[in-house]
Amino acid sequence: MAYCRQIEGKKCYLTPLEISDSEKVAAWLNDLKVQLNFDNVFTLTADDERFYIPDAKRTARLFGIVEREGNKLIGVSGLHEIDHISRRAMLSIYIGEEEYRNNGYGTEAVMLTLDFGFNMLNLNSIALYVVEFNKGAIKVYEKCGFKHAGRKRQSKILGEEKFDMLLMDILADEFKSVFVKNILNGLKK
């Protein structure tokens, strides 16, 4: 499938999430390794996703994360609960294809999504929740400039274990654009 390259990095690019991606996305969201890291538990079908993707476009920007060399869809990122008056949103991301995890794709996809949010949507604050045991994701978010902003205590329960959800956020003036600013600088020449 040919994807449009909305915003490009070195390893991956973001493309608008398409209804035709519903089957793959539903499979990823039903994968417990992916799902353990979300605030909610999902039981989704491809039909659920086919309905959700166009409906979500009213209050969110959903992106497929595509590996550059092979043009393979490997994950999803998004800005949700977009509030244009207060200029804030919530970020979500996951790499659905296991072989692409822990290889820098998630970090670059977060940076691309932030760049889009701050420089194209003119947001001022982007936040996210991450479960406290997801040390790898926390490290990625810190690397991307997120700061710890709070926690929802014992709000993730798995079996008999209770975990906190950490709130992290980043402000526009804390973010250094790499991708959109390069495009803008090229237009000035």
C-alpha atoms as a PDB file:
ATOM      1  CA  MET A   1       0.000   0.000   0.000  1.00  0.00           C
ATOM      2  CA  ALA A   2       1.229   3.505  -0.785  1.00  0.00           C
ATOM      3  CA  TYR A   3       1.131   5.839   2.212  1.00  0.00           C
ATOM      4  CA  CYS A   4       1.342   9.613   2.078  1.00  0.00           C
ATOM      5  CA  ARG A   5       4.256  11.066   4.017  1.00  0.00           C
ATOM      6  CA  GLN A   6       2.698  13.736   6.204  1.00  0.00           C
ATOM      7  CA  ILE A   7       5.801  14.315   8.325  1.00  0.00           C
ATOM      8  CA  GLU A   8       9.084  12.466   7.799  1.00  0.00           C
ATOM      9  CA  GLY A   9      11.957  11.474  10.007  1.00  0.00           C
ATOM     10  CA  LYS A  10      15.098   9.459   9.277  1.00  0.00           C
ATOM     11  CA  LYS A  11      13.718   6.036  10.262  1.00  0.00           C
ATOM     12  CA  CYS A  12       9.971   6.472   9.872  1.00  0.00           C
ATOM     13  CA  TYR A  13       7.252   8.827   8.802  1.00  0.00           C
ATOM     14  CA  LEU A  14       3.702   9.571   9.901  1.00  0.00           C
ATOM     15  CA  THR A  15       0.735   9.087   7.618  1.00  0.00           C
ATOM     16  CA  PRO A  16      -2.964   9.651   8.300  1.00  0.00           C
ATOM     17  CA  LEU A  17      -4.438   6.429   9.684  1.00  0.00           C
ATOM     18  CA  GLU A  18      -6.715   4.858   7.078  1.00  0.00           C
ATOM     19  CA  ILE A  19      -9.819   2.703   7.485  1.00  0.00           C
ATOM     20  CA  SER A  20      -7.977   0.049   5.462  1.00  0.00           C
ATOM     21  CA  ASP A  21      -5.504  -0.221   8.394  1.00  0.00           C
ATOM     22  CA  SER A  22      -8.302  -1.293  10.763  1.00  0.00           C
ATOM     23  CA  GLU A  23      -7.577  -5.015  10.744  1.00  0.00           C
ATOM     24  CA  LYS A  24      -3.896  -4.563  11.588  1.00  0.00           C
ATOM     25  CA  VAL A  25      -4.608  -1.930  14.239  1.00  0.00           C
ATOM     26  CA  ALA A  26      -7.259  -4.111  15.909  1.00  0.00           C
ATOM     27  CA  ALA A  27      -4.800  -7.028  16.021  1.00  0.00           C
ATOM     28  CA  TRP A  28      -2.174  -4.824  17.692  1.00  0.00           C
ATOM     29  CA  LEU A  29      -4.640  -3.422  20.223  1.00  0.00           C
ATOM     30  CA  ASN A  30      -5.726  -6.933  21.200  1.00  0.00           C
ATOM     31  CA  ASP A  31      -2.084  -7.966  21.786  1.00  0.00           C
ATOM     32  CA  LEU A  32      -1.619  -8.121  25.568  1.00  0.00           C
ATOM     33  CA  LYS A  33       2.005  -6.930  25.282  1.00  0.00           C
ATOM     34  CA  VAL A  34       0.695  -3.722  23.741  1.00  0.00           C
ATOM     35  CA  GLN A  35      -2.442  -3.473  25.845  1.00  0.00           C
ATOM     36  CA  LEU A  36      -0.722  -3.825  29.239  1.00  0.00           C
ATOM     37  CA  ASN A  37       0.722  -0.354  28.760  1.00  0.00           C
ATOM     38  CA  PHE A  38      -2.591   1.424  28.151  1.00  0.00           C
ATOM     39  CA  ASP A  39      -4.856   2.963  30.746  1.00  0.00           C
ATOM     40  CA  ASN A  40      -7.794   0.918  29.394  1.00  0.00           C
ATOM     41  CA  VAL A  41      -8.367  -2.696  28.416  1.00  0.00           C
ATOM     42  CA  PHE A  42      -9.597  -3.334  24.871  1.00  0.00           C
ATOM     43  CA  THR A  43     -11.583  -6.059  23.192  1.00  0.00           C
ATOM     44  CA  LEU A  44     -11.812  -4.697  19.676  1.00  0.00           C
ATOM     45  CA  THR A  45     -12.631  -6.024  16.262  1.00  0.00           C
ATOM     46  CA  ALA A  46     -11.589  -4.643  12.893  1.00  0.00           C
ATOM     47  CA  ASP A  47     -15.183  -3.374  12.534  1.00  0.00           C
ATOM     48  CA  ASP A  48     -14.795  -1.425  15.792  1.00  0.00           C
ATOM     49  CA  GLU A  49     -11.674   0.220  14.380  1.00  0.00           C
ATOM     50  CA  ARG A  50     -13.364   0.926  11.025  1.00  0.00           C
ATOM     51  CA  PHE A  51     -15.985   2.902  12.959  1.00  0.00           C
ATOM     52  CA  TYR A  52     -13.519   4.568  15.364  1.00  0.00           C
ATOM     53  CA  ILE A  53     -10.973   5.920  12.869  1.00  0.00           C
ATOM     54  CA  PRO A  54     -13.294   8.323  10.985  1.00  0.00           C
ATOM     55  CA  ASP A  55     -15.211   9.220  14.172  1.00  0.00           C
ATOM     56  CA  ALA A  56     -11.999  10.103  16.063  1.00  0.00           C
ATOM     57  CA  LYS A  57     -10.923  12.613  13.425  1.00  0.00           C
ATOM     58  CA  ARG A  58     -13.300  15.171  14.976  1.00  0.00           C
ATOM     59  CA  THR A  59     -11.265  15.434  18.202  1.00  0.00           C
ATOM     60  CA  ALA A  60      -7.979  13.697  17.398  1.00  0.00           C
ATOM     61  CA  ARG A  61      -5.214  13.347  14.843  1.00  0.00           C
ATOM     62  CA  LEU A  62      -4.358   9.680  14.299  1.00  0.00           C
ATOM     63  CA  PHE A  63      -1.198   8.665  12.482  1.00  0.00           C
ATOM     64  CA  GLY A  64       0.137   5.424  11.185  1.00  0.00           C
ATOM     65  CA  ILE A  65       3.846   5.042  11.874  1.00  0.00           C
ATOM     66  CA  VAL A  66       5.501   3.750   8.714  1.00  0.00           C
ATOM     67  CA  GLU A  67       9.036   2.395   8.471  1.00  0.00           C
ATOM     68  CA  ARG A  68      10.740   4.415   5.706  1.00  0.00           C
ATOM     69  CA  GLU A  69      12.718   1.798   3.809  1.00  0.00           C
ATOM     70  CA  GLY A  70      10.023  -0.839   3.437  1.00  0.00           C
ATOM     71  CA  ASN A  71       6.977   1.440   3.678  1.00  0.00           C
ATOM     72  CA  LYS A  72       5.609  -0.921   6.307  1.00  0.00           C
ATOM     73  CA  LEU A  73       2.991   0.199   8.830  1.00  0.00           C
ATOM     74  CA  ILE A  74       4.540  -0.605  12.236  1.00  0.00           C
ATOM     75  CA  GLY A  75       2.498   1.342  14.779  1.00  0.00           C
ATOM     76  CA  VAL A  76       0.162   4.188  15.641  1.00  0.00           C
ATOM     77  CA  SER A  77       0.564   7.569  17.278  1.00  0.00           C
ATOM     78  CA  GLY A  78      -2.051  10.160  17.976  1.00  0.00           C
ATOM     79  CA  LEU A  79      -3.009  13.415  19.561  1.00  0.00           C
ATOM     80  CA  HIS A  80      -6.308  13.050  21.429  1.00  0.00           C
ATOM     81  CA  GLU A  81      -8.634  15.322  23.386  1.00  0.00           C
ATOM     82  CA  ILE A  82      -7.353  18.260  21.353  1.00  0.00           C
ATOM     83  CA  ASP A  83      -8.486  21.529  22.919  1.00  0.00           C
ATOM     84  CA  HIS A  84      -7.743  24.386  20.500  1.00  0.00           C
ATOM     85  CA  ILE A  85      -8.803  27.055  22.992  1.00  0.00           C
ATOM     86  CA  SER A  86      -6.430  25.953  25.762  1.00  0.00           C
ATOM     87  CA  ARG A  87      -4.006  24.624  23.109  1.00  0.00           C
ATOM     88  CA  ARG A  88      -3.468  21.220  24.705  1.00  0.00           C
ATOM     89  CA  ALA A  89      -3.759  17.543  23.802  1.00  0.00           C
ATOM     90  CA  MET A  90      -2.962  14.029  25.012  1.00  0.00           C
ATOM     91  CA  LEU A  91      -0.419  11.875  23.171  1.00  0.00           C
ATOM     92  CA  SER A  92      -0.619   8.135  22.587  1.00  0.00           C
ATOM     93  CA  ILE A  93       1.787   5.854  20.780  1.00  0.00           C
ATOM     94  CA  TYR A  94       2.564   2.198  20.340  1.00  0.00           C
ATOM     95  CA  ILE A  95       4.729   0.144  18.045  1.00  0.00           C
ATOM     96  CA  GLY A  96       2.543  -2.795  17.074  1.00  0.00           C
ATOM     97  CA  GLU A  97       5.151  -4.769  15.116  1.00  0.00           C
ATOM     98  CA  GLU A  98       7.300  -6.401  17.783  1.00  0.00           C
ATOM     99  CA  GLU A  99      10.515  -6.550  15.733  1.00  0.00           C
ATOM    100  CA  TYR A 100      10.486  -2.723  15.477  1.00  0.00           C
ATOM    101  CA  ARG A 101      10.293  -2.138  19.237  1.00  0.00           C
ATOM    102  CA  ASN A 102      13.377  -0.876  21.069  1.00  0.00           C
ATOM    103  CA  ASN A 103      15.009   0.254  17.819  1.00  0.00           C
ATOM    104  CA  GLY A 104      14.408   4.018  17.939  1.00  0.00           C
ATOM    105  CA  TYR A 105      11.187   4.048  15.910  1.00  0.00           C
ATOM    106  CA  GLY A 106       9.060   4.956  18.910  1.00  0.00           C
ATOM    107  CA  THR A 107      11.355   7.820  19.916  1.00  0.00           C
ATOM    108  CA  GLU A 108      11.323   9.266  16.416  1.00  0.00           C
ATOM    109  CA  ALA A 109       7.549   8.813  16.098  1.00  0.00           C
ATOM    110  CA  VAL A 110       7.030  10.686  19.392  1.00  0.00           C
ATOM    111  CA  MET A 111       9.239  13.537  18.133  1.00  0.00           C
ATOM    112  CA  LEU A 112       7.363  13.643  14.809  1.00  0.00           C
ATOM    113  CA  THR A 113       3.997  13.702  16.591  1.00  0.00           C
ATOM    114  CA  LEU A 114       5.150  16.456  18.956  1.00  0.00           C
ATOM    115  CA  ASP A 115       6.515  18.461  16.033  1.00  0.00           C
ATOM    116  CA  PHE A 116       3.175  18.183  14.250  1.00  0.00           C
ATOM    117  CA  GLY A 117       1.250  19.124  17.400  1.00  0.00           C
ATOM    118  CA  PHE A 118       3.362  22.126  18.347  1.00  0.00           C
ATOM    119  CA  ASN A 119       4.186  23.485  14.890  1.00  0.00           C
ATOM    120  CA  MET A 120       1.194  22.545  12.761  1.00  0.00           C
ATOM    121  CA  LEU A 121      -1.663  22.541  15.310  1.00  0.00           C
ATOM    122  CA  ASN A 122      -0.127  25.368  17.379  1.00  0.00           C
ATOM    123  CA  LEU A 123      -0.539  23.485  20.665  1.00  0.00           C
ATOM    124  CA  ASN A 124       1.161  24.709  23.834  1.00  0.00           C
ATOM    125  CA  SER A 125       0.999  21.589  26.019  1.00  0.00           C
ATOM    126  CA  ILE A 126       1.020  17.886  25.202  1.00  0.00           C
ATOM    127  CA  ALA A 127       0.614  15.323  27.976  1.00  0.00           C
ATOM    128  CA  LEU A 128       0.414  11.552  28.293  1.00  0.00           C
ATOM    129  CA  TYR A 129      -0.122   8.801  30.806  1.00  0.00           C
ATOM    130  CA  VAL A 130       2.304   5.894  31.143  1.00  0.00           C
ATOM    131  CA  VAL A 131       2.089   2.939  33.525  1.00  0.00           C
ATOM    132  CA  GLU A 132       4.893   3.047  36.105  1.00  0.00           C
ATOM    133  CA  PHE A 133       6.391  -0.330  35.146  1.00  0.00           C
ATOM    134  CA  ASN A 134       6.942   0.695  31.512  1.00  0.00           C
ATOM    135  CA  LYS A 135      10.500   1.918  32.155  1.00  0.00           C
ATOM    136  CA  GLY A 136      11.437   1.839  28.465  1.00  0.00           C
ATOM    137  CA  ALA A 137       8.599   4.175  27.492  1.00  0.00           C
ATOM    138  CA  ILE A 138       9.348   6.517  30.408  1.00  0.00           C
ATOM    139  CA  LYS A 139      12.959   6.732  29.232  1.00  0.00           C
ATOM    140  CA  VAL A 140      11.805   7.531  25.666  1.00  0.00           C
ATOM    141  CA  TYR A 141       9.443  10.262  26.881  1.00  0.00           C
ATOM    142  CA  GLU A 142      12.153  11.816  29.065  1.00  0.00           C
ATOM    143  CA  LYS A 143      14.558  11.714  26.087  1.00  0.00           C
ATOM    144  CA  CYS A 144      11.920  13.554  24.008  1.00  0.00           C
ATOM    145  CA  GLY A 145      11.662  16.291  26.674  1.00  0.00           C
ATOM    146  CA  PHE A 146       8.644  15.217  28.730  1.00  0.00           C
ATOM    147  CA  LYS A 147       8.654  16.114  32.422  1.00  0.00           C
ATOM    148  CA  HIS A 148       6.967  14.243  35.261  1.00  0.00           C
ATOM    149  CA  ALA A 149       3.803  16.155  36.179  1.00  0.00           C
ATOM    150  CA  GLY A 150       1.878  13.844  38.523  1.00  0.00           C
ATOM    151  CA  ARG A 151       0.390  10.402  38.996  1.00  0.00           C
ATOM    152  CA  LYS A 152      -2.912   8.592  39.252  1.00  0.00           C
ATOM    153  CA  ARG A 153      -2.312   6.290  42.191  1.00  0.00           C
ATOM    154  CA  GLN A 154      -3.174   2.596  41.850  1.00  0.00           C
ATOM    155  CA  SER A 155      -5.241   3.296  38.739  1.00  0.00           C
ATOM    156  CA  LYS A 156      -3.989   0.315  36.719  1.00  0.00           C
ATOM    157  CA  ILE A 157      -4.924  -3.061  38.202  1.00  0.00           C
ATOM    158  CA  LEU A 158      -3.636  -6.276  36.656  1.00  0.00           C
ATOM    159  CA  GLY A 159      -4.662  -9.376  38.558  1.00  0.00           C
ATOM    160  CA  GLU A 160      -4.045  -8.462  42.172  1.00  0.00           C
ATOM    161  CA  GLU A 161      -1.266  -5.967  41.397  1.00  0.00           C
ATOM    162  CA  LYS A 162      -1.942  -2.223  41.486  1.00  0.00           C
ATOM    163  CA  PHE A 163       0.160   0.269  39.569  1.00  0.00           C
ATOM    164  CA  ASP A 164       0.277   4.035  39.284  1.00  0.00           C
ATOM    165  CA  MET A 165      -0.226   5.820  35.974  1.00  0.00           C
ATOM    166  CA  LEU A 166       2.346   8.583  35.623  1.00  0.00           C
ATOM    167  CA  LEU A 167       1.351  11.888  34.052  1.00  0.00           C
ATOM    168  CA  MET A 168       4.069  13.447  31.905  1.00  0.00           C
ATOM    169  CA  ASP A 169       3.904  16.598  29.812  1.00  0.00           C
ATOM    170  CA  ILE A 170       5.924  18.889  27.588  1.00  0.00           C
ATOM    171  CA  LEU A 171       5.383  22.537  26.662  1.00  0.00           C
ATOM    172  CA  ALA A 172       5.936  24.112  23.256  1.00  0.00           C
ATOM    173  CA  ASP A 173       8.832  26.249  24.498  1.00  0.00           C
ATOM    174  CA  GLU A 174      10.558  23.107  25.842  1.00  0.00           C
ATOM    175  CA  PHE A 175      10.415  21.368  22.460  1.00  0.00           C
ATOM    176  CA  LYS A 176      13.049  21.797  19.774  1.00  0.00           C
ATOM    177  CA  SER A 177      11.644  21.146  16.315  1.00  0.00           C
ATOM    178  CA  VAL A 178      13.787  19.074  14.011  1.00  0.00           C
ATOM    179  CA  PHE A 179      11.437  18.144  11.218  1.00  0.00           C
ATOM    180  CA  VAL A 180       8.896  20.929  10.605  1.00  0.00           C
ATOM    181  CA  LYS A 181      11.442  23.717  11.200  1.00  0.00           C
ATOM    182  CA  ASN A 182      13.747  22.171   8.559  1.00  0.00           C
ATOM    183  CA  ILE A 183      10.898  22.287   6.047  1.00  0.00           C
ATOM    184  CA  LEU A 184      10.108  25.901   6.962  1.00  0.00           C
ATOM    185  CA  ASN A 185      13.774  26.890   6.701  1.00  0.00           C
ATOM    186  CA  GLY A 186      13.889  25.305   3.219  1.00  0.00           C
ATOM    187  CA  LEU A 187      10.942  27.457   2.143  1.00  0.00           C
ATOM    188  CA  LYS A 188      12.765  30.643   3.126  1.00  0.00           C
ATOM    189  CA  LYS A 189      15.640  30.007   0.706  1.00  0.00           C
END
